[in-house]
Amino acid sequence: MSTDQPDSKLTLYGFNNLTKTLSFNFYDVCYANTIKQRDEYLEYIDETYNAQRLMEVLTQVADIIGATILNVATQDYDPSGASVTMLISEENAYPQDQPAAGVGTVVAHLDKSHLTAHTYPESHPEGGISTFRADLDISTCGRISPLKALNFLIDSFDEDVVIMDYRVRGFTRDTDGMKHYNDHSITSIQEYLSEKTRQQYQMIDVNVYPENIFHTKMMLKEFNLGSYLFGDGVEALPAAQKELIEAKVRNEMTEIFYGMNIVK
């Protein structure tokens, strides 16, 4: 189902004033039992999810939803973390014969849409679990919808847990003056996910239909323990330790998925 165009029967008066926002948050979990392993994990995160990589992902998102990038700001942080912010417009902001170098003169006038990404790596000195979180927000006005880029985002990262919020705000009018609080059909974010993703993840929804608020959480059903270890490979571990580590990783994912600590 495509959301980049409103209902063809809806003839609007003037500009489409609806604001559509997708907040896409994902978590990556690993087991790093020593200081050296935790440092290696943070180095891996900084290399894999640096500002340049995030900018490339958001650039492709802009292309998928048919938006024009007006301005980009990137920042890597010490000791870890990165942020990217993009200002976008629904249509090309420049005449074809005008170079994009003039972007500075129009940024303040076309700030109705934006893409942002922020990363939050963290680890705990006990227990061996390190967790990385990335938040991506895609906010658009007019006809374009961020849901069109949803499967691309999921395929771009290695997510153990994904938490998504989609909201349509405001209203737009048709030529008869009638207000419309949405311009596309949606009952769940899950409708826009690929079959592959629906098979890989356990999902739950919390939706508030009268307010056009849609919330979906996903947790990976199965995983290969070897991809969660930093240091010795899984083959070097005794069976009992493998079970303990797998339980810790699964416990971390479950707590994040349900938003509560599991009392042991």
Protein backbone atom coordinates (compact mmCIF):
# COMPACT_ATOMS: atom_id res chain seq x y z
CA MET A 1 0.00 0.00 0.00
CA SER A 2 1.43 3.34 -1.01
CA THR A 3 0.91 6.48 1.08
CA ASP A 4 2.69 9.03 -1.08
CA GLN A 5 -0.56 10.21 -2.64
CA PRO A 6 -3.88 11.08 -0.95
CA ASP A 7 -7.19 9.64 -1.98
CA SER A 8 -7.68 10.46 -5.67
CA LYS A 9 -11.30 11.46 -4.96
CA LEU A 10 -10.21 14.17 -2.52
CA THR A 11 -9.91 17.52 -4.29
CA LEU A 12 -8.26 20.01 -1.96
CA TYR A 13 -8.54 23.73 -1.68
CA GLY A 14 -5.03 25.16 -1.71
CA PHE A 15 -2.10 23.49 0.07
CA ASN A 16 -2.37 20.16 1.88
CA ASN A 17 -1.87 21.27 5.50
CA LEU A 18 -1.53 17.82 7.09
CA THR A 19 1.68 17.06 8.97
CA LYS A 20 2.78 13.40 8.98
CA THR A 21 5.52 12.31 11.36
CA LEU A 22 7.22 8.93 11.72
CA SER A 23 9.44 8.38 14.77
CA PHE A 24 11.57 5.31 14.11
CA ASN A 25 13.58 4.09 17.13
CA PHE A 26 15.67 0.95 17.08
CA TYR A 27 17.89 -0.88 19.55
CA ASP A 28 20.95 -3.06 18.98
CA VAL A 29 22.02 -5.32 21.86
CA CYS A 30 25.33 -7.09 22.40
CA TYR A 31 27.26 -9.00 25.09
CA ALA A 32 30.63 -7.41 25.94
CA ASN A 33 31.86 -8.75 29.26
CA THR A 34 35.18 -6.93 29.63
CA ILE A 35 36.26 -3.30 29.39
CA LYS A 36 38.18 -4.15 26.21
CA GLN A 37 35.13 -5.76 24.64
CA ARG A 38 32.91 -2.82 25.58
CA ASP A 39 35.41 -0.43 24.04
CA GLU A 40 35.46 -2.56 20.89
CA TYR A 41 31.67 -2.47 20.75
CA LEU A 42 31.58 1.32 21.07
CA GLU A 43 34.22 1.61 18.35
CA TYR A 44 32.11 -0.62 16.11
CA ILE A 45 29.02 1.51 16.76
CA ASP A 46 30.88 4.75 16.09
CA GLU A 47 32.20 3.39 12.81
CA THR A 48 28.93 1.79 11.68
CA TYR A 49 26.56 4.56 12.72
CA ASN A 50 28.63 7.70 12.32
CA ALA A 51 27.20 10.96 11.01
CA GLN A 52 28.28 10.20 7.43
CA ARG A 53 26.42 6.86 7.42
CA LEU A 54 23.31 8.41 8.95
CA MET A 55 23.40 11.23 6.41
CA GLU A 56 23.55 8.69 3.58
CA VAL A 57 20.51 6.86 4.99
CA LEU A 58 18.48 10.06 5.40
CA THR A 59 19.47 11.19 1.91
CA GLN A 60 17.99 7.98 0.51
CA VAL A 61 14.89 8.44 2.67
CA ALA A 62 14.41 11.91 1.17
CA ASP A 63 14.73 10.42 -2.31
CA ILE A 64 12.22 7.64 -1.55
CA ILE A 65 9.54 10.00 -0.25
CA GLY A 66 10.16 12.46 -3.08
CA ALA A 67 11.48 15.34 -0.96
CA THR A 68 14.11 17.92 -1.85
CA ILE A 69 16.97 18.43 0.63
CA LEU A 70 17.53 22.09 1.44
CA ASN A 71 20.10 21.96 4.22
CA VAL A 72 22.14 19.32 6.10
CA ALA A 73 23.86 19.54 9.49
CA THR A 74 25.98 16.65 10.83
CA GLN A 75 27.89 16.11 14.04
CA ASP A 76 29.95 13.29 15.55
CA TYR A 77 30.44 13.39 19.32
CA ASP A 78 33.29 12.51 21.67
CA PRO A 79 33.48 9.87 23.06
CA SER A 80 30.61 8.44 20.99
CA GLY A 81 27.36 9.25 19.24
CA ALA A 82 26.25 11.21 16.17
CA SER A 83 23.46 13.51 14.98
CA VAL A 84 22.16 14.51 11.55
CA THR A 85 19.46 17.06 10.72
CA MET A 86 18.04 17.69 7.24
CA LEU A 87 15.66 20.41 6.16
CA ILE A 88 13.48 19.27 3.26
CA SER A 89 10.69 20.57 1.07
CA GLU A 90 7.96 18.63 -0.69
CA GLU A 91 8.98 19.85 -4.12
CA ASN A 92 12.08 21.23 -5.75
CA ALA A 93 12.77 24.61 -4.17
CA TYR A 94 14.87 25.95 -7.04
CA PRO A 95 14.24 26.75 -10.68
CA GLN A 96 16.04 24.26 -12.90
CA ASP A 97 18.47 26.92 -14.06
CA GLN A 98 19.33 28.02 -10.49
CA PRO A 99 22.16 26.21 -8.67
CA ALA A 100 21.58 24.75 -5.22
CA ALA A 101 24.26 27.04 -3.81
CA GLY A 102 21.49 29.51 -3.02
CA VAL A 103 20.06 27.19 -0.36
CA GLY A 104 21.01 29.56 2.46
CA THR A 105 18.50 32.12 1.25
CA VAL A 106 15.49 29.83 1.43
CA VAL A 107 16.05 27.65 4.50
CA ALA A 108 14.11 29.96 6.81
CA HIS A 109 11.16 30.01 4.41
CA LEU A 110 10.85 26.25 3.85
CA ASP A 111 11.18 24.77 7.31
CA LYS A 112 7.94 22.80 7.17
CA SER A 113 9.61 19.40 6.89
CA HIS A 114 12.70 17.75 8.30
CA LEU A 115 14.61 14.52 8.85
CA THR A 116 16.73 13.91 11.95
CA ALA A 117 18.85 11.08 13.36
CA HIS A 118 20.50 10.76 16.77
CA THR A 119 22.43 7.87 18.31
CA TYR A 120 22.74 6.80 21.94
CA PRO A 121 25.32 4.07 22.71
CA GLU A 122 25.56 2.88 26.29
CA SER A 123 26.91 0.02 28.38
CA HIS A 124 26.82 -1.14 31.99
CA PRO A 125 29.96 -2.19 33.89
CA GLU A 126 28.18 -5.28 35.26
CA GLY A 127 26.35 -8.02 33.46
CA GLY A 128 28.11 -7.69 30.11
CA ILE A 129 25.19 -6.11 28.21
CA SER A 130 25.70 -3.08 25.97
CA THR A 131 22.84 -1.43 24.12
CA PHE A 132 22.80 1.01 21.23
CA ARG A 133 19.75 3.13 20.38
CA ALA A 134 19.14 5.28 17.31
CA ASP A 135 16.23 7.67 16.86
CA LEU A 136 15.17 8.77 13.39
CA ASP A 137 12.36 11.26 12.89
CA ILE A 138 10.79 11.99 9.52
CA SER A 139 8.32 14.86 9.50
CA THR A 140 6.58 15.95 6.31
CA CYS A 141 3.84 18.34 5.27
CA GLY A 142 1.64 18.05 2.23
CA ARG A 143 1.13 14.98 0.09
CA ILE A 144 4.28 13.01 0.86
CA SER A 145 4.29 10.44 3.68
CA PRO A 146 7.28 9.04 5.61
CA LEU A 147 5.69 5.57 5.69
CA LYS A 148 6.88 5.08 2.13
CA ALA A 149 10.46 4.76 3.48
CA LEU A 150 9.60 2.43 6.37
CA ASN A 151 10.86 -0.84 4.86
CA PHE A 152 14.01 0.85 3.63
CA LEU A 153 14.78 2.00 7.18
CA ILE A 154 14.26 -1.48 8.59
CA ASP A 155 16.53 -3.00 5.93
CA SER A 156 19.23 -0.36 6.55
CA PHE A 157 20.08 -1.38 10.12
CA ASP A 158 20.52 -4.42 12.37
CA GLU A 159 17.60 -4.00 14.76
CA ASP A 160 16.76 -6.24 17.70
CA VAL A 161 13.88 -4.06 18.88
CA VAL A 162 12.05 -1.39 16.88
CA ILE A 163 9.58 1.12 18.33
CA MET A 164 7.64 3.26 15.86
CA ASP A 165 5.16 6.09 16.23
CA TYR A 166 3.23 7.58 13.32
CA ARG A 167 0.95 10.57 13.68
CA VAL A 168 -1.06 12.72 11.32
CA ARG A 169 -1.72 16.20 12.71
CA GLY A 170 -3.79 19.16 11.63
CA PHE A 171 -6.42 19.22 8.91
CA THR A 172 -6.80 20.23 5.31
CA ARG A 173 -9.89 21.39 3.43
CA ASP A 174 -11.51 20.20 0.25
CA THR A 175 -13.08 22.55 -2.30
CA ASP A 176 -16.43 22.37 -0.45
CA GLY A 177 -14.77 23.62 2.76
CA MET A 178 -14.97 20.24 4.53
CA LYS A 179 -12.10 19.50 6.93
CA HIS A 180 -10.11 16.28 6.43
CA TYR A 181 -7.88 15.03 9.25
CA ASN A 182 -6.17 12.38 7.16
CA ASP A 183 -5.69 11.84 3.44
CA HIS A 184 -4.76 8.14 3.35
CA SER A 185 -6.08 4.89 4.75
CA ILE A 186 -4.28 3.36 7.74
CA THR A 187 -5.31 1.16 10.67
CA SER A 188 -1.81 0.02 11.73
CA ILE A 189 1.81 0.67 10.85
CA GLN A 190 2.05 -3.09 10.32
CA GLU A 191 0.09 -2.68 7.08
CA TYR A 192 3.12 -0.97 5.56
CA LEU A 193 5.70 -3.59 6.59
CA SER A 194 7.05 -6.21 4.20
CA GLU A 195 6.07 -9.85 4.62
CA LYS A 196 9.69 -10.66 5.47
CA THR A 197 9.68 -8.22 8.39
CA ARG A 198 6.32 -9.46 9.70
CA GLN A 199 7.72 -13.00 9.80
CA GLN A 200 10.95 -12.01 11.57
CA TYR A 201 9.48 -9.93 14.37
CA GLN A 202 6.98 -10.26 17.18
CA MET A 203 4.73 -7.18 17.13
CA ILE A 204 2.21 -5.35 19.26
CA ASP A 205 0.13 -2.24 18.50
CA VAL A 206 -1.31 0.59 20.54
CA ASN A 207 -3.42 2.79 18.24
CA VAL A 208 -5.64 5.81 18.95
CA TYR A 209 -7.73 6.02 15.80
CA PRO A 210 -9.74 9.21 16.53
CA GLU A 211 -6.45 11.07 17.04
CA ASN A 212 -4.63 9.48 14.06
CA ILE A 213 -1.92 8.14 16.38
CA PHE A 214 -0.38 4.74 15.54
CA HIS A 215 2.20 2.90 17.64
CA THR A 216 3.93 -0.39 16.80
CA LYS A 217 6.68 -2.27 18.64
CA MET A 218 8.71 -5.12 17.14
CA MET A 219 11.12 -7.63 18.72
CA LEU A 220 13.25 -10.12 16.80
CA LYS A 221 11.89 -13.65 17.24
CA GLU A 222 15.12 -15.59 16.65
CA PHE A 223 18.79 -14.67 16.63
CA ASN A 224 22.24 -16.19 16.22
CA LEU A 225 24.17 -15.81 19.49
CA GLY A 226 27.47 -15.45 17.66
CA SER A 227 26.43 -12.09 16.21
CA TYR A 228 25.94 -10.68 19.72
CA LEU A 229 29.40 -11.42 21.09
CA PHE A 230 32.49 -9.25 21.22
CA GLY A 231 35.73 -11.10 21.94
CA ASP A 232 35.88 -14.91 21.79
CA GLY A 233 33.55 -16.59 19.35
CA VAL A 234 30.57 -18.62 20.47
CA GLU A 235 32.44 -21.86 19.73
CA ALA A 236 34.90 -21.17 22.55
CA LEU A 237 32.17 -20.97 25.20
CA PRO A 238 30.86 -23.88 27.28
CA ALA A 239 27.20 -24.73 26.85
CA ALA A 240 26.16 -23.36 30.24
CA GLN A 241 27.76 -19.98 29.50
CA LYS A 242 26.10 -19.84 26.10
CA GLU A 243 22.71 -20.33 27.73
CA LEU A 244 23.45 -17.64 30.32
CA ILE A 245 24.55 -15.09 27.72
CA GLU A 246 21.60 -15.84 25.46
CA ALA A 247 19.24 -15.40 28.42
CA LYS A 248 20.82 -12.03 29.24
CA VAL A 249 20.53 -10.81 25.66
CA ARG A 250 16.94 -11.98 25.35
CA ASN A 251 16.09 -10.45 28.72
CA GLU A 252 17.46 -7.07 27.61
CA MET A 253 15.44 -7.18 24.41
CA THR A 254 12.27 -8.20 26.26
CA GLU A 255 12.62 -5.41 28.81
CA ILE A 256 13.03 -2.82 26.07
CA PHE A 257 10.13 -4.28 24.09
CA TYR A 258 7.69 -4.16 27.01
CA GLY A 259 9.16 -1.01 28.54
CA MET A 260 9.64 -2.50 32.00
CA ASN A 261 12.30 -4.24 34.08
CA ILE A 262 11.90 -7.99 34.57
CA VAL A 263 12.18 -8.92 38.24
CA LYS A 264 14.16 -12.10 38.79
